[in-house]
Amino acid sequence: MALSFPGEQLLWDYVEGPKALPPHLMKRDLALYLERYFEANGVTIKRLALLFAVSIVFLFIEVGALIWLWVGG
């Protein structure tokens, strides 16, 4: 189950709502929320990080090939 991160709802709950939390409780609550969020989406985050790393490798290969062709290889 993937948790969503509802920014507008969080803003209402913590800042604009009728019972706004003091900053220390807000930080604690948001830290717990983010921990649950990252646990629920950890596999997706790791997969996207791996795909990003692979895409960077391919980008370097492509740029290297273009430079090699430009220099006259």
N, C-alpha and C. Protein backbone atom coordinates (compact mmCIF):
# COMPACT_ATOMS: atom_id res chain seq x y z
N MET A 1 0.85 -1.18 0.00
CA MET A 1 0.00 0.00 0.00
C MET A 1 0.89 1.24 0.00
N ALA A 2 0.73 2.08 -0.98
CA ALA A 2 1.52 3.30 -1.07
C ALA A 2 0.75 4.45 -0.43
N LEU A 3 1.43 5.14 0.45
CA LEU A 3 0.82 6.31 1.07
C LEU A 3 1.00 7.51 0.17
N SER A 4 0.02 8.35 0.13
CA SER A 4 0.19 9.60 -0.61
C SER A 4 0.70 10.65 0.37
N PHE A 5 1.18 11.72 -0.16
CA PHE A 5 1.68 12.81 0.69
C PHE A 5 0.84 14.04 0.41
N PRO A 6 -0.30 14.16 1.09
CA PRO A 6 -1.24 15.26 0.81
C PRO A 6 -0.78 16.58 1.44
N GLY A 7 -0.09 17.39 0.67
CA GLY A 7 0.46 18.64 1.19
C GLY A 7 -0.59 19.60 1.72
N GLU A 8 -1.67 19.77 0.97
CA GLU A 8 -2.71 20.71 1.40
C GLU A 8 -3.37 20.25 2.70
N GLN A 9 -3.60 18.95 2.81
CA GLN A 9 -4.22 18.43 4.02
C GLN A 9 -3.29 18.58 5.22
N LEU A 10 -2.01 18.31 5.01
CA LEU A 10 -1.04 18.48 6.10
C LEU A 10 -0.95 19.93 6.55
N LEU A 11 -0.96 20.84 5.60
CA LEU A 11 -0.92 22.27 5.93
C LEU A 11 -2.13 22.65 6.77
N TRP A 12 -3.30 22.16 6.38
CA TRP A 12 -4.52 22.46 7.14
C TRP A 12 -4.44 21.85 8.54
N ASP A 13 -4.00 20.60 8.63
CA ASP A 13 -3.96 19.92 9.92
C ASP A 13 -2.98 20.56 10.90
N TYR A 14 -1.82 21.00 10.39
CA TYR A 14 -0.77 21.44 11.29
C TYR A 14 -0.67 22.95 11.47
N VAL A 15 -1.09 23.73 10.48
CA VAL A 15 -0.87 25.18 10.55
C VAL A 15 -2.18 25.96 10.56
N GLU A 16 -3.05 25.68 9.60
CA GLU A 16 -4.22 26.52 9.42
C GLU A 16 -5.46 26.01 10.14
N GLY A 17 -5.46 24.79 10.59
CA GLY A 17 -6.65 24.19 11.18
C GLY A 17 -7.01 24.79 12.53
N PRO A 18 -8.13 24.37 13.06
CA PRO A 18 -8.59 24.93 14.33
C PRO A 18 -7.68 24.56 15.51
N LYS A 19 -7.00 23.40 15.41
CA LYS A 19 -6.11 22.98 16.49
C LYS A 19 -4.69 22.84 15.95
N ALA A 20 -4.05 23.95 15.67
CA ALA A 20 -2.68 23.92 15.16
C ALA A 20 -1.73 23.40 16.24
N LEU A 21 -0.80 22.58 15.83
CA LEU A 21 0.14 21.99 16.78
C LEU A 21 1.31 22.93 17.06
N PRO A 22 1.88 22.85 18.26
CA PRO A 22 3.11 23.60 18.52
C PRO A 22 4.25 23.01 17.68
N PRO A 23 5.27 23.79 17.38
CA PRO A 23 6.33 23.33 16.47
C PRO A 23 6.99 22.00 16.86
N HIS A 24 7.27 21.77 18.15
CA HIS A 24 7.95 20.53 18.53
C HIS A 24 7.07 19.30 18.28
N LEU A 25 5.78 19.41 18.51
CA LEU A 25 4.88 18.28 18.23
C LEU A 25 4.68 18.11 16.73
N MET A 26 4.67 19.22 16.00
CA MET A 26 4.52 19.16 14.55
C MET A 26 5.71 18.42 13.93
N LYS A 27 6.93 18.75 14.38
CA LYS A 27 8.13 18.10 13.85
C LYS A 27 8.11 16.60 14.15
N ARG A 28 7.72 16.25 15.36
CA ARG A 28 7.68 14.83 15.74
C ARG A 28 6.66 14.08 14.90
N ASP A 29 5.48 14.65 14.77
CA ASP A 29 4.41 14.00 14.02
C ASP A 29 4.77 13.86 12.54
N LEU A 30 5.36 14.91 11.97
CA LEU A 30 5.76 14.84 10.56
C LEU A 30 6.90 13.86 10.35
N ALA A 31 7.81 13.75 11.31
CA ALA A 31 8.90 12.78 11.19
C ALA A 31 8.34 11.36 11.19
N LEU A 32 7.38 11.09 12.05
CA LEU A 32 6.75 9.76 12.07
C LEU A 32 5.99 9.50 10.78
N TYR A 33 5.31 10.52 10.28
CA TYR A 33 4.57 10.38 9.02
C TYR A 33 5.52 10.09 7.87
N LEU A 34 6.64 10.83 7.80
CA LEU A 34 7.61 10.60 6.73
C LEU A 34 8.25 9.23 6.83
N GLU A 35 8.49 8.76 8.05
CA GLU A 35 9.05 7.43 8.23
C GLU A 35 8.10 6.37 7.66
N ARG A 36 6.82 6.48 7.97
CA ARG A 36 5.84 5.54 7.41
C ARG A 36 5.76 5.66 5.89
N TYR A 37 5.84 6.90 5.39
CA TYR A 37 5.78 7.15 3.95
C TYR A 37 6.95 6.47 3.24
N PHE A 38 8.16 6.64 3.77
CA PHE A 38 9.33 6.05 3.14
C PHE A 38 9.35 4.53 3.27
N GLU A 39 8.84 4.01 4.38
CA GLU A 39 8.74 2.55 4.52
C GLU A 39 7.76 1.98 3.50
N ALA A 40 6.64 2.64 3.31
CA ALA A 40 5.63 2.15 2.38
C ALA A 40 6.09 2.27 0.93
N ASN A 41 6.91 3.26 0.63
CA ASN A 41 7.34 3.50 -0.74
C ASN A 41 8.83 3.20 -0.96
N GLY A 42 9.43 2.49 -0.03
CA GLY A 42 10.86 2.23 -0.10
C GLY A 42 11.30 1.50 -1.35
N VAL A 43 10.54 0.48 -1.76
CA VAL A 43 10.91 -0.29 -2.94
C VAL A 43 10.86 0.60 -4.19
N THR A 44 9.83 1.39 -4.31
CA THR A 44 9.71 2.29 -5.45
C THR A 44 10.82 3.33 -5.46
N ILE A 45 11.14 3.88 -4.30
CA ILE A 45 12.20 4.88 -4.20
C ILE A 45 13.54 4.27 -4.59
N LYS A 46 13.83 3.06 -4.12
CA LYS A 46 15.10 2.40 -4.46
C LYS A 46 15.17 2.08 -5.95
N ARG A 47 14.06 1.63 -6.52
CA ARG A 47 14.03 1.31 -7.94
C ARG A 47 14.25 2.57 -8.79
N LEU A 48 13.60 3.66 -8.41
CA LEU A 48 13.79 4.91 -9.14
C LEU A 48 15.22 5.43 -9.00
N ALA A 49 15.81 5.28 -7.82
CA ALA A 49 17.20 5.70 -7.63
C ALA A 49 18.13 4.87 -8.51
N LEU A 50 17.87 3.57 -8.62
CA LEU A 50 18.68 2.71 -9.48
C LEU A 50 18.52 3.11 -10.95
N LEU A 51 17.30 3.34 -11.38
CA LEU A 51 17.07 3.77 -12.76
C LEU A 51 17.73 5.11 -13.05
N PHE A 52 17.72 6.00 -12.09
CA PHE A 52 18.38 7.29 -12.25
C PHE A 52 19.89 7.10 -12.40
N ALA A 53 20.47 6.22 -11.58
CA ALA A 53 21.91 5.97 -11.67
C ALA A 53 22.27 5.35 -13.02
N VAL A 54 21.46 4.42 -13.50
CA VAL A 54 21.70 3.80 -14.81
C VAL A 54 21.59 4.85 -15.92
N SER A 55 20.61 5.73 -15.80
CA SER A 55 20.45 6.76 -16.83
C SER A 55 21.64 7.71 -16.85
N ILE A 56 22.22 8.00 -15.70
CA ILE A 56 23.41 8.84 -15.65
C ILE A 56 24.59 8.16 -16.34
N VAL A 57 24.73 6.85 -16.14
CA VAL A 57 25.80 6.11 -16.81
C VAL A 57 25.61 6.19 -18.32
N PHE A 58 24.40 5.96 -18.80
CA PHE A 58 24.13 6.05 -20.23
C PHE A 58 24.37 7.47 -20.77
N LEU A 59 24.05 8.48 -19.97
CA LEU A 59 24.30 9.85 -20.38
C LEU A 59 25.79 10.10 -20.56
N PHE A 60 26.60 9.63 -19.62
CA PHE A 60 28.05 9.79 -19.74
C PHE A 60 28.58 9.05 -20.96
N ILE A 61 28.05 7.86 -21.23
CA ILE A 61 28.48 7.12 -22.42
C ILE A 61 28.13 7.89 -23.68
N GLU A 62 26.92 8.42 -23.72
CA GLU A 62 26.48 9.18 -24.90
C GLU A 62 27.32 10.44 -25.10
N VAL A 63 27.55 11.18 -24.03
CA VAL A 63 28.36 12.39 -24.14
C VAL A 63 29.79 12.03 -24.54
N GLY A 64 30.32 10.97 -23.98
CA GLY A 64 31.67 10.52 -24.36
C GLY A 64 31.74 10.15 -25.83
N ALA A 65 30.72 9.46 -26.34
CA ALA A 65 30.69 9.09 -27.75
C ALA A 65 30.59 10.33 -28.63
N LEU A 66 29.80 11.30 -28.25
CA LEU A 66 29.67 12.53 -29.02
C LEU A 66 31.00 13.30 -29.05
N ILE A 67 31.66 13.37 -27.91
CA ILE A 67 32.96 14.04 -27.87
C ILE A 67 33.97 13.29 -28.74
N TRP A 68 33.96 11.98 -28.66
CA TRP A 68 34.87 11.17 -29.45
C TRP A 68 34.62 11.39 -30.96
N LEU A 69 33.36 11.44 -31.36
CA LEU A 69 33.05 11.71 -32.77
C LEU A 69 33.43 13.13 -33.16
N TRP A 70 33.24 14.07 -32.27
CA TRP A 70 33.53 15.47 -32.55
C TRP A 70 35.04 15.70 -32.73
N VAL A 71 35.83 14.98 -31.92
CA VAL A 71 37.28 15.14 -31.99
C VAL A 71 37.82 14.45 -33.25
N GLY A 72 37.07 13.55 -33.83
CA GLY A 72 37.50 12.92 -35.07
C GLY A 72 37.80 11.45 -34.94
N GLY A 73 37.16 10.81 -33.97
CA GLY A 73 37.39 9.39 -33.74
C GLY A 73 36.84 8.54 -34.77
